[in-house]
C-alpha cells in the first residue's frame, strides 16, 4: 500500500512540474512583422502562468541594432501572466526587435525575440 501511495505522490508531482514548465513555454505575441500605423502603448507577452517580474528582462532594438529606451516592464492579467513593455509613442517609422527573457515564479525560463514594424 505504501508503494502505491508513494507512486501516486511521485506521479502527481511529476505532472505538476510538467504543468509548471508549460507556464513559460507557451508565450503568445501579436503576429510577427505586424504593421502598426500607430505605436502600440505596450508590447505584451502572455504566458499560461505567473511571471517573476524582478528576474525578467526586455530590450528594444532599432533596425541598426541600437538599444532604445522603453518604460519599466510591468505585469497584468490573471496572476501576473501578461508581461508588458511600455513603448515611446513618438517612435519613428521602422522595424524594431524586442529581445525578451522571462522567468516564471516556479523558476522556469524562456527567451526569444519579436519583430514588428511601425509605419508612417
C-alpha atoms as a PDB file:
ATOM      1  CA  UNK A   1       0.000   0.000   0.000  1.00  0.00           C
ATOM      2  CA  UNK A   2       2.863   2.360   0.849  1.00  0.00           C
ATOM      3  CA  UNK A   3       4.330   1.767  -2.636  1.00  0.00           C
ATOM      4  CA  UNK A   4       1.078   2.717  -4.339  1.00  0.00           C
ATOM      5  CA  UNK A   5       0.749   5.908  -2.292  1.00  0.00           C
ATOM      6  CA  UNK A   6       4.395   6.815  -2.987  1.00  0.00           C
ATOM      7  CA  UNK A   7       3.941   6.183  -6.702  1.00  0.00           C
ATOM      8  CA  UNK A   8       0.766   8.304  -6.822  1.00  0.00           C
ATOM      9  CA  UNK A   9       2.516  11.132  -4.969  1.00  0.00           C
ATOM     10  CA  UNK A  10       5.515  10.941  -7.347  1.00  0.00           C
ATOM     11  CA  UNK A  11       3.237  10.873 -10.408  1.00  0.00           C
ATOM     12  CA  UNK A  12       1.256  13.890  -9.212  1.00  0.00           C
ATOM     13  CA  UNK A  13       4.466  15.857  -8.505  1.00  0.00           C
ATOM     14  CA  UNK A  14       5.830  14.954 -11.938  1.00  0.00           C
ATOM     15  CA  UNK A  15       2.566  16.071 -13.568  1.00  0.00           C
ATOM     16  CA  UNK A  16       2.601  19.328 -11.591  1.00  0.00           C
ATOM     17  CA  UNK A  17       6.221  20.004 -12.641  1.00  0.00           C
ATOM     18  CA  UNK A  18       5.345  19.466 -16.297  1.00  0.00           C
ATOM     19  CA  UNK A  19       2.375  21.814 -15.998  1.00  0.00           C
ATOM     20  CA  UNK A  20       4.516  24.477 -14.308  1.00  0.00           C
ATOM     21  CA  UNK A  21       7.146  24.430 -17.032  1.00  0.00           C
ATOM     22  CA  UNK A  22       4.405  24.870 -19.628  1.00  0.00           C
ATOM     23  CA  UNK A  23       3.575  28.203 -17.997  1.00  0.00           C
ATOM     24  CA  UNK A  24       6.690  29.689 -19.550  1.00  0.00           C
ATOM     25  CA  UNK A  25       6.848  27.715 -22.765  1.00  0.00           C
ATOM     26  CA  UNK A  26       3.529  28.993 -24.090  1.00  0.00           C
ATOM     27  CA  UNK A  27       4.055  32.672 -24.807  1.00  0.00           C
ATOM     28  CA  UNK A  28       1.811  34.445 -27.248  1.00  0.00           C
ATOM     29  CA  UNK A  29       2.511  37.676 -29.049  1.00  0.00           C
ATOM     30  CA  UNK A  30       0.820  39.671 -31.778  1.00  0.00           C
ATOM     31  CA  UNK A  31       1.655  38.210 -35.210  1.00  0.00           C
ATOM     32  CA  UNK A  32       5.329  38.757 -36.210  1.00  0.00           C
ATOM     33  CA  UNK A  33       6.024  41.534 -38.697  1.00  0.00           C
ATOM     34  CA  UNK A  34       2.698  43.108 -37.773  1.00  0.00           C
ATOM     35  CA  UNK A  35       2.457  46.552 -39.287  1.00  0.00           C
ATOM     36  CA  UNK A  36       1.258  49.197 -36.872  1.00  0.00           C
ATOM     37  CA  UNK A  37       0.005  52.546 -38.127  1.00  0.00           C
ATOM     38  CA  UNK A  38       0.407  53.928 -34.615  1.00  0.00           C
ATOM     39  CA  UNK A  39       2.917  52.895 -31.988  1.00  0.00           C
ATOM     40  CA  UNK A  40       1.260  50.453 -29.558  1.00  0.00           C
ATOM     41  CA  UNK A  41       1.269  51.653 -25.953  1.00  0.00           C
ATOM     42  CA  UNK A  42       2.786  48.340 -24.811  1.00  0.00           C
ATOM     43  CA  UNK A  43       4.137  45.145 -26.276  1.00  0.00           C
ATOM     44  CA  UNK A  44       2.514  42.226 -24.461  1.00  0.00           C
ATOM     45  CA  UNK A  45       3.782  38.692 -23.916  1.00  0.00           C
ATOM     46  CA  UNK A  46       1.105  36.403 -22.493  1.00  0.00           C
ATOM     47  CA  UNK A  47       2.018  33.242 -20.582  1.00  0.00           C
ATOM     48  CA  UNK A  48      -0.063  30.486 -19.058  1.00  0.00           C
ATOM     49  CA  UNK A  49       1.224  31.160 -15.534  1.00  0.00           C
ATOM     50  CA  UNK A  50       2.634  33.908 -13.313  1.00  0.00           C
ATOM     51  CA  UNK A  51       5.881  35.667 -14.259  1.00  0.00           C
ATOM     52  CA  UNK A  52       8.665  36.768 -11.890  1.00  0.00           C
ATOM     53  CA  UNK A  53       8.948  40.429 -12.887  1.00  0.00           C
ATOM     54  CA  UNK A  54      12.142  41.070 -10.898  1.00  0.00           C
ATOM     55  CA  UNK A  55      14.011  38.436 -12.918  1.00  0.00           C
ATOM     56  CA  UNK A  56      12.542  39.116 -16.363  1.00  0.00           C
ATOM     57  CA  UNK A  57      14.032  41.466 -18.964  1.00  0.00           C
ATOM     58  CA  UNK A  58      13.226  43.097 -22.286  1.00  0.00           C
ATOM     59  CA  UNK A  59      15.472  45.080 -24.639  1.00  0.00           C
ATOM     60  CA  UNK A  60      14.179  47.068 -27.603  1.00  0.00           C
ATOM     61  CA  UNK A  61      16.450  47.418 -30.651  1.00  0.00           C
ATOM     62  CA  UNK A  62      16.055  49.521 -33.779  1.00  0.00           C
ATOM     63  CA  UNK A  63      16.837  48.277 -37.319  1.00  0.00           C
ATOM     64  CA  UNK A  64      20.552  49.077 -36.824  1.00  0.00           C
ATOM     65  CA  UNK A  65      20.687  47.055 -33.587  1.00  0.00           C
ATOM     66  CA  UNK A  66      20.912  50.070 -31.287  1.00  0.00           C
ATOM     67  CA  UNK A  67      19.222  49.740 -27.902  1.00  0.00           C
ATOM     68  CA  UNK A  68      16.276  52.080 -27.398  1.00  0.00           C
ATOM     69  CA  UNK A  69      14.695  53.149 -24.125  1.00  0.00           C
ATOM     70  CA  UNK A  70      11.385  51.657 -23.009  1.00  0.00           C
ATOM     71  CA  UNK A  71       9.219  52.183 -19.994  1.00  0.00           C
ATOM     72  CA  UNK A  72       9.609  49.914 -16.989  1.00  0.00           C
ATOM     73  CA  UNK A  73       8.056  46.477 -17.734  1.00  0.00           C
ATOM     74  CA  UNK A  74       5.055  45.524 -15.631  1.00  0.00           C
ATOM     75  CA  UNK A  75       2.638  42.627 -15.185  1.00  0.00           C
ATOM     76  CA  UNK A  76      -1.094  42.378 -15.685  1.00  0.00           C
ATOM     77  CA  UNK A  77      -3.646  39.694 -16.402  1.00  0.00           C
ATOM     78  CA  UNK A  78      -4.608  36.671 -14.342  1.00  0.00           C
ATOM     79  CA  UNK A  79      -1.993  36.058 -11.630  1.00  0.00           C
ATOM     80  CA  UNK A  80       0.538  38.329 -13.379  1.00  0.00           C
ATOM     81  CA  UNK A  81       0.782  36.217 -16.523  1.00  0.00           C
ATOM     82  CA  UNK A  82       0.997  39.121 -19.015  1.00  0.00           C
ATOM     83  CA  UNK A  83       4.454  40.749 -19.289  1.00  0.00           C
ATOM     84  CA  UNK A  84       4.080  44.268 -20.727  1.00  0.00           C
ATOM     85  CA  UNK A  85       6.791  46.557 -22.075  1.00  0.00           C
ATOM     86  CA  UNK A  86       5.744  50.228 -22.489  1.00  0.00           C
ATOM     87  CA  UNK A  87       6.853  51.890 -25.736  1.00  0.00           C
ATOM     88  CA  UNK A  88       7.606  55.509 -26.555  1.00  0.00           C
ATOM     89  CA  UNK A  89       4.614  56.833 -28.564  1.00  0.00           C
ATOM     90  CA  UNK A  90       6.947  59.040 -30.622  1.00  0.00           C
ATOM     91  CA  UNK A  91       8.924  56.109 -32.093  1.00  0.00           C
ATOM     92  CA  UNK A  92       9.952  56.767 -35.691  1.00  0.00           C
ATOM     93  CA  UNK A  93       8.675  54.536 -38.502  1.00  0.00           C
ATOM     94  CA  UNK A  94      10.833  51.458 -38.962  1.00  0.00           C
ATOM     95  CA  UNK A  95      11.458  47.868 -37.939  1.00  0.00           C
ATOM     96  CA  UNK A  96      12.066  47.096 -34.272  1.00  0.00           C
ATOM     97  CA  UNK A  97      13.039  43.964 -32.359  1.00  0.00           C
ATOM     98  CA  UNK A  98      12.186  43.157 -28.761  1.00  0.00           C
ATOM     99  CA  UNK A  99      14.577  40.664 -27.147  1.00  0.00           C
ATOM    100  CA  UNK A 100      12.988  39.185 -24.048  1.00  0.00           C
ATOM    101  CA  UNK A 101      13.766  36.721 -21.277  1.00  0.00           C
ATOM    102  CA  UNK A 102      11.120  35.756 -18.749  1.00  0.00           C
ATOM    103  CA  UNK A 103      11.345  33.694 -15.575  1.00  0.00           C
ATOM    104  CA  UNK A 104       8.261  32.053 -14.145  1.00  0.00           C
ATOM    105  CA  UNK A 105       7.512  32.138 -10.434  1.00  0.00           C
ATOM    106  CA  UNK A 106       8.470  28.441 -10.269  1.00  0.00           C
ATOM    107  CA  UNK A 107      11.916  29.058 -11.784  1.00  0.00           C
ATOM    108  CA  UNK A 108      11.425  28.023 -15.421  1.00  0.00           C
ATOM    109  CA  UNK A 109      12.692  30.441 -18.050  1.00  0.00           C
ATOM    110  CA  UNK A 110      12.053  31.234 -21.684  1.00  0.00           C
ATOM    111  CA  UNK A 111      13.541  33.743 -24.075  1.00  0.00           C
ATOM    112  CA  UNK A 112      13.011  34.923 -27.589  1.00  0.00           C
ATOM    113  CA  UNK A 113      12.645  37.903 -29.837  1.00  0.00           C
ATOM    114  CA  UNK A 114       9.744  39.624 -31.504  1.00  0.00           C
ATOM    115  CA  UNK A 115       9.997  41.851 -34.570  1.00  0.00           C
ATOM    116  CA  UNK A 116       7.427  44.469 -35.524  1.00  0.00           C
ATOM    117  CA  UNK A 117       7.162  47.456 -37.841  1.00  0.00           C
ATOM    118  CA  UNK A 118       5.839  50.953 -37.232  1.00  0.00           C
ATOM    119  CA  UNK A 119       4.630  52.566 -40.467  1.00  0.00           C
ATOM    120  CA  UNK A 120       4.189  56.309 -41.062  1.00  0.00           C
END
